[in-house]
Amino acid sequence: MWVAIAAITGWAVITLYRMYIASKAREQVHRERLAMIERGLVPPPEADPEKFERMIAHSSERGRWDRGRHSRRTGVLLVAVGIGLGFTNYFGANDPLRVGRSLGIAAFLALIGIAFLVNAMFDARSRSGSQPSPENQ
């Protein structure tokens, strides 16, 4: 058990450390470019300007419209996990107390999924109500 805990903790620490190092490297590149601009020098172009343009276009396309799709996807996933966990534990366990506890957890996951689906439905309604119609423009 301790080996598994140490492995998971080590993986998390290494991942967080790599993220920290990458952010420091990006910050250093940014500071270097700002220093060049302050001195009146023209910094070299980005290593891949097309990638930069795609990232900017992708981030402007996302925004508010992606929330409903994300909630719907999360809701469907949680409902499926809850139902699958409920069926697995109901048909696979012999202890009635264990079955009841497992079904409670499965029902909890399924209800959270249903809440996400309802949230996606309300987000879609608010989005359709707030968009101006093409005739009014």
C-alpha atoms as a PDB file:
ATOM      1  CA  MET A   1       0.000   0.000   0.000  1.00  0.00           C
ATOM      2  CA  TRP A   2       2.820   2.423   0.869  1.00  0.00           C
ATOM      3  CA  VAL A   3       4.498   1.753  -2.447  1.00  0.00           C
ATOM      4  CA  ALA A   4       1.353   2.794  -4.320  1.00  0.00           C
ATOM      5  CA  ILE A   5       0.985   5.931  -2.214  1.00  0.00           C
ATOM      6  CA  ALA A   6       4.653   6.826  -2.750  1.00  0.00           C
ATOM      7  CA  ALA A   7       4.372   6.223  -6.504  1.00  0.00           C
ATOM      8  CA  ILE A   8       1.270   8.374  -6.888  1.00  0.00           C
ATOM      9  CA  THR A   9       2.694  11.131  -4.690  1.00  0.00           C
ATOM     10  CA  GLY A  10       6.008  11.039  -6.565  1.00  0.00           C
ATOM     11  CA  TRP A  11       4.213  11.252  -9.910  1.00  0.00           C
ATOM     12  CA  ALA A  12       2.198  14.247  -8.705  1.00  0.00           C
ATOM     13  CA  VAL A  13       5.282  16.018  -7.341  1.00  0.00           C
ATOM     14  CA  ILE A  14       7.263  15.446 -10.547  1.00  0.00           C
ATOM     15  CA  THR A  15       4.361  16.664 -12.686  1.00  0.00           C
ATOM     16  CA  LEU A  16       3.899  19.811 -10.602  1.00  0.00           C
ATOM     17  CA  TYR A  17       7.651  20.485 -10.662  1.00  0.00           C
ATOM     18  CA  ARG A  18       7.752  20.171 -14.466  1.00  0.00           C
ATOM     19  CA  MET A  19       4.825  22.576 -14.739  1.00  0.00           C
ATOM     20  CA  TYR A  20       6.644  25.024 -12.473  1.00  0.00           C
ATOM     21  CA  ILE A  21       9.869  24.808 -14.528  1.00  0.00           C
ATOM     22  CA  ALA A  22       7.951  25.275 -17.802  1.00  0.00           C
ATOM     23  CA  SER A  23       6.148  28.342 -16.459  1.00  0.00           C
ATOM     24  CA  LYS A  24       9.447  29.838 -15.285  1.00  0.00           C
ATOM     25  CA  ALA A  25      10.962  29.270 -18.742  1.00  0.00           C
ATOM     26  CA  ARG A  26       7.975  30.946 -20.442  1.00  0.00           C
ATOM     27  CA  GLU A  27       8.182  33.842 -18.000  1.00  0.00           C
ATOM     28  CA  GLN A  28      11.900  34.264 -18.725  1.00  0.00           C
ATOM     29  CA  VAL A  29      11.282  34.349 -22.487  1.00  0.00           C
ATOM     30  CA  HIS A  30       8.540  36.915 -21.960  1.00  0.00           C
ATOM     31  CA  ARG A  31      10.782  39.112 -19.776  1.00  0.00           C
ATOM     32  CA  GLU A  32      13.543  38.894 -22.354  1.00  0.00           C
ATOM     33  CA  ARG A  33      11.202  40.059 -25.104  1.00  0.00           C
ATOM     34  CA  LEU A  34       9.923  42.925 -22.928  1.00  0.00           C
ATOM     35  CA  ALA A  35      13.478  44.017 -22.146  1.00  0.00           C
ATOM     36  CA  MET A  36      14.314  44.086 -25.859  1.00  0.00           C
ATOM     37  CA  ILE A  37      11.220  46.172 -26.596  1.00  0.00           C
ATOM     38  CA  GLU A  38      12.066  48.614 -23.775  1.00  0.00           C
ATOM     39  CA  ARG A  39      15.570  49.093 -25.233  1.00  0.00           C
ATOM     40  CA  GLY A  40      14.080  49.859 -28.626  1.00  0.00           C
ATOM     41  CA  LEU A  41      15.153  46.616 -30.257  1.00  0.00           C
ATOM     42  CA  VAL A  42      12.864  44.572 -32.429  1.00  0.00           C
ATOM     43  CA  PRO A  43      12.499  41.098 -30.920  1.00  0.00           C
ATOM     44  CA  PRO A  44      12.734  38.146 -33.277  1.00  0.00           C
ATOM     45  CA  PRO A  45       9.428  36.723 -34.452  1.00  0.00           C
ATOM     46  CA  GLU A  46       7.866  33.809 -32.670  1.00  0.00           C
ATOM     47  CA  ALA A  47       9.375  30.413 -33.446  1.00  0.00           C
ATOM     48  CA  ASP A  48       6.111  29.307 -35.066  1.00  0.00           C
ATOM     49  CA  PRO A  49       3.922  32.337 -35.900  1.00  0.00           C
ATOM     50  CA  GLU A  50       1.225  30.178 -37.535  1.00  0.00           C
ATOM     51  CA  LYS A  51       0.828  28.219 -34.309  1.00  0.00           C
ATOM     52  CA  PHE A  52       0.476  31.494 -32.408  1.00  0.00           C
ATOM     53  CA  GLU A  53      -2.222  32.682 -34.800  1.00  0.00           C
ATOM     54  CA  ARG A  54      -4.094  29.373 -34.503  1.00  0.00           C
ATOM     55  CA  MET A  55      -3.963  29.598 -30.709  1.00  0.00           C
ATOM     56  CA  ILE A  56      -5.330  33.156 -30.742  1.00  0.00           C
ATOM     57  CA  ALA A  57      -8.124  32.204 -33.168  1.00  0.00           C
ATOM     58  CA  HIS A  58      -8.953  29.071 -31.141  1.00  0.00           C
ATOM     59  CA  SER A  59      -9.168  30.988 -27.851  1.00  0.00           C
ATOM     60  CA  SER A  60     -11.417  33.663 -29.346  1.00  0.00           C
ATOM     61  CA  GLU A  61     -13.746  31.004 -30.791  1.00  0.00           C
ATOM     62  CA  ARG A  62     -14.161  29.286 -27.463  1.00  0.00           C
ATOM     63  CA  GLY A  63     -15.236  31.474 -24.572  1.00  0.00           C
ATOM     64  CA  ARG A  64     -18.841  31.326 -23.454  1.00  0.00           C
ATOM     65  CA  TRP A  65     -20.119  28.838 -26.043  1.00  0.00           C
ATOM     66  CA  ASP A  66     -18.013  25.955 -24.838  1.00  0.00           C
ATOM     67  CA  ARG A  67     -19.563  25.811 -21.333  1.00  0.00           C
ATOM     68  CA  GLY A  68     -22.790  24.098 -22.324  1.00  0.00           C
ATOM     69  CA  ARG A  69     -20.990  21.417 -24.307  1.00  0.00           C
ATOM     70  CA  HIS A  70     -18.589  20.824 -21.410  1.00  0.00           C
ATOM     71  CA  SER A  71     -21.452  20.496 -18.906  1.00  0.00           C
ATOM     72  CA  ARG A  72     -23.325  18.136 -21.196  1.00  0.00           C
ATOM     73  CA  ARG A  73     -20.263  15.941 -21.735  1.00  0.00           C
ATOM     74  CA  THR A  74     -19.487  15.860 -18.001  1.00  0.00           C
ATOM     75  CA  GLY A  75     -23.112  15.100 -17.155  1.00  0.00           C
ATOM     76  CA  VAL A  76     -23.362  12.203 -19.577  1.00  0.00           C
ATOM     77  CA  LEU A  77     -20.078  10.796 -18.295  1.00  0.00           C
ATOM     78  CA  LEU A  78     -21.121  11.009 -14.629  1.00  0.00           C
ATOM     79  CA  VAL A  79     -24.532   9.481 -15.285  1.00  0.00           C
ATOM     80  CA  ALA A  80     -22.889   6.604 -17.166  1.00  0.00           C
ATOM     81  CA  VAL A  81     -20.323   6.053 -14.397  1.00  0.00           C
ATOM     82  CA  GLY A  82     -23.043   6.124 -11.742  1.00  0.00           C
ATOM     83  CA  ILE A  83     -25.250   3.652 -13.586  1.00  0.00           C
ATOM     84  CA  GLY A  84     -22.312   1.388 -14.396  1.00  0.00           C
ATOM     85  CA  LEU A  85     -21.096   1.427 -10.805  1.00  0.00           C
ATOM     86  CA  GLY A  86     -24.601   0.693  -9.573  1.00  0.00           C
ATOM     87  CA  PHE A  87     -25.090  -2.283 -11.886  1.00  0.00           C
ATOM     88  CA  THR A  88     -21.629  -3.658 -11.159  1.00  0.00           C
ATOM     89  CA  ASN A  89     -22.056  -3.515  -7.420  1.00  0.00           C
ATOM     90  CA  TYR A  90     -25.672  -4.657  -7.417  1.00  0.00           C
ATOM     91  CA  PHE A  91     -24.985  -7.789  -9.420  1.00  0.00           C
ATOM     92  CA  GLY A  92     -21.464  -8.462  -8.121  1.00  0.00           C
ATOM     93  CA  ALA A  93     -21.714  -8.088  -4.333  1.00  0.00           C
ATOM     94  CA  ASN A  94     -23.252 -10.524  -1.884  1.00  0.00           C
ATOM     95  CA  ASP A  95     -23.248  -8.310   1.218  1.00  0.00           C
ATOM     96  CA  PRO A  96     -26.513  -6.264   1.400  1.00  0.00           C
ATOM     97  CA  LEU A  97     -24.847  -3.458   3.406  1.00  0.00           C
ATOM     98  CA  ARG A  98     -22.108  -3.138   0.829  1.00  0.00           C
ATOM     99  CA  VAL A  99     -24.642  -3.138  -2.005  1.00  0.00           C
ATOM    100  CA  GLY A 100     -26.635  -0.369  -0.334  1.00  0.00           C
ATOM    101  CA  ARG A 101     -23.568   1.790   0.232  1.00  0.00           C
ATOM    102  CA  SER A 102     -22.358   1.236  -3.324  1.00  0.00           C
ATOM    103  CA  LEU A 103     -25.759   2.026  -4.778  1.00  0.00           C
ATOM    104  CA  GLY A 104     -25.801   5.211  -2.707  1.00  0.00           C
ATOM    105  CA  ILE A 105     -22.481   6.279  -4.201  1.00  0.00           C
ATOM    106  CA  ALA A 106     -23.685   5.341  -7.685  1.00  0.00           C
ATOM    107  CA  ALA A 107     -26.907   7.312  -7.204  1.00  0.00           C
ATOM    108  CA  PHE A 108     -24.884  10.297  -5.955  1.00  0.00           C
ATOM    109  CA  LEU A 109     -22.709  10.239  -9.096  1.00  0.00           C
ATOM    110  CA  ALA A 110     -25.737   9.855 -11.342  1.00  0.00           C
ATOM    111  CA  LEU A 111     -27.506  12.785  -9.642  1.00  0.00           C
ATOM    112  CA  ILE A 112     -24.446  15.001 -10.071  1.00  0.00           C
ATOM    113  CA  GLY A 113     -24.445  14.008 -13.749  1.00  0.00           C
ATOM    114  CA  ILE A 114     -28.119  14.891 -14.068  1.00  0.00           C
ATOM    115  CA  ALA A 115     -27.364  18.266 -12.458  1.00  0.00           C
ATOM    116  CA  PHE A 116     -24.673  18.890 -15.082  1.00  0.00           C
ATOM    117  CA  LEU A 117     -27.153  18.000 -17.844  1.00  0.00           C
ATOM    118  CA  VAL A 118     -29.738  20.400 -16.409  1.00  0.00           C
ATOM    119  CA  ASN A 119     -27.028  23.071 -16.208  1.00  0.00           C
ATOM    120  CA  ALA A 120     -26.189  22.509 -19.882  1.00  0.00           C
ATOM    121  CA  MET A 121     -29.876  22.795 -20.758  1.00  0.00           C
ATOM    122  CA  PHE A 122     -30.206  26.117 -18.899  1.00  0.00           C
ATOM    123  CA  ASP A 123     -26.991  27.398 -20.492  1.00  0.00           C
ATOM    124  CA  ALA A 124     -28.368  26.596 -23.950  1.00  0.00           C
ATOM    125  CA  ARG A 125     -31.638  28.394 -23.133  1.00  0.00           C
ATOM    126  CA  SER A 126     -29.880  31.508 -21.803  1.00  0.00           C
ATOM    127  CA  ARG A 127     -27.604  31.541 -24.829  1.00  0.00           C
ATOM    128  CA  SER A 128     -30.486  31.358 -27.293  1.00  0.00           C
ATOM    129  CA  GLY A 129     -32.346  34.097 -25.434  1.00  0.00           C
ATOM    130  CA  SER A 130     -29.381  36.479 -25.316  1.00  0.00           C
ATOM    131  CA  GLN A 131     -28.356  36.228 -28.984  1.00  0.00           C
ATOM    132  CA  PRO A 132     -29.703  38.941 -31.236  1.00  0.00           C
ATOM    133  CA  SER A 133     -31.733  37.613 -34.122  1.00  0.00           C
ATOM    134  CA  PRO A 134     -30.431  38.252 -37.663  1.00  0.00           C
ATOM    135  CA  GLU A 135     -33.625  40.151 -38.610  1.00  0.00           C
ATOM    136  CA  ASN A 136     -33.028  42.774 -35.899  1.00  0.00           C
ATOM    137  CA  GLN A 137     -29.518  43.658 -37.043  1.00  0.00           C
END
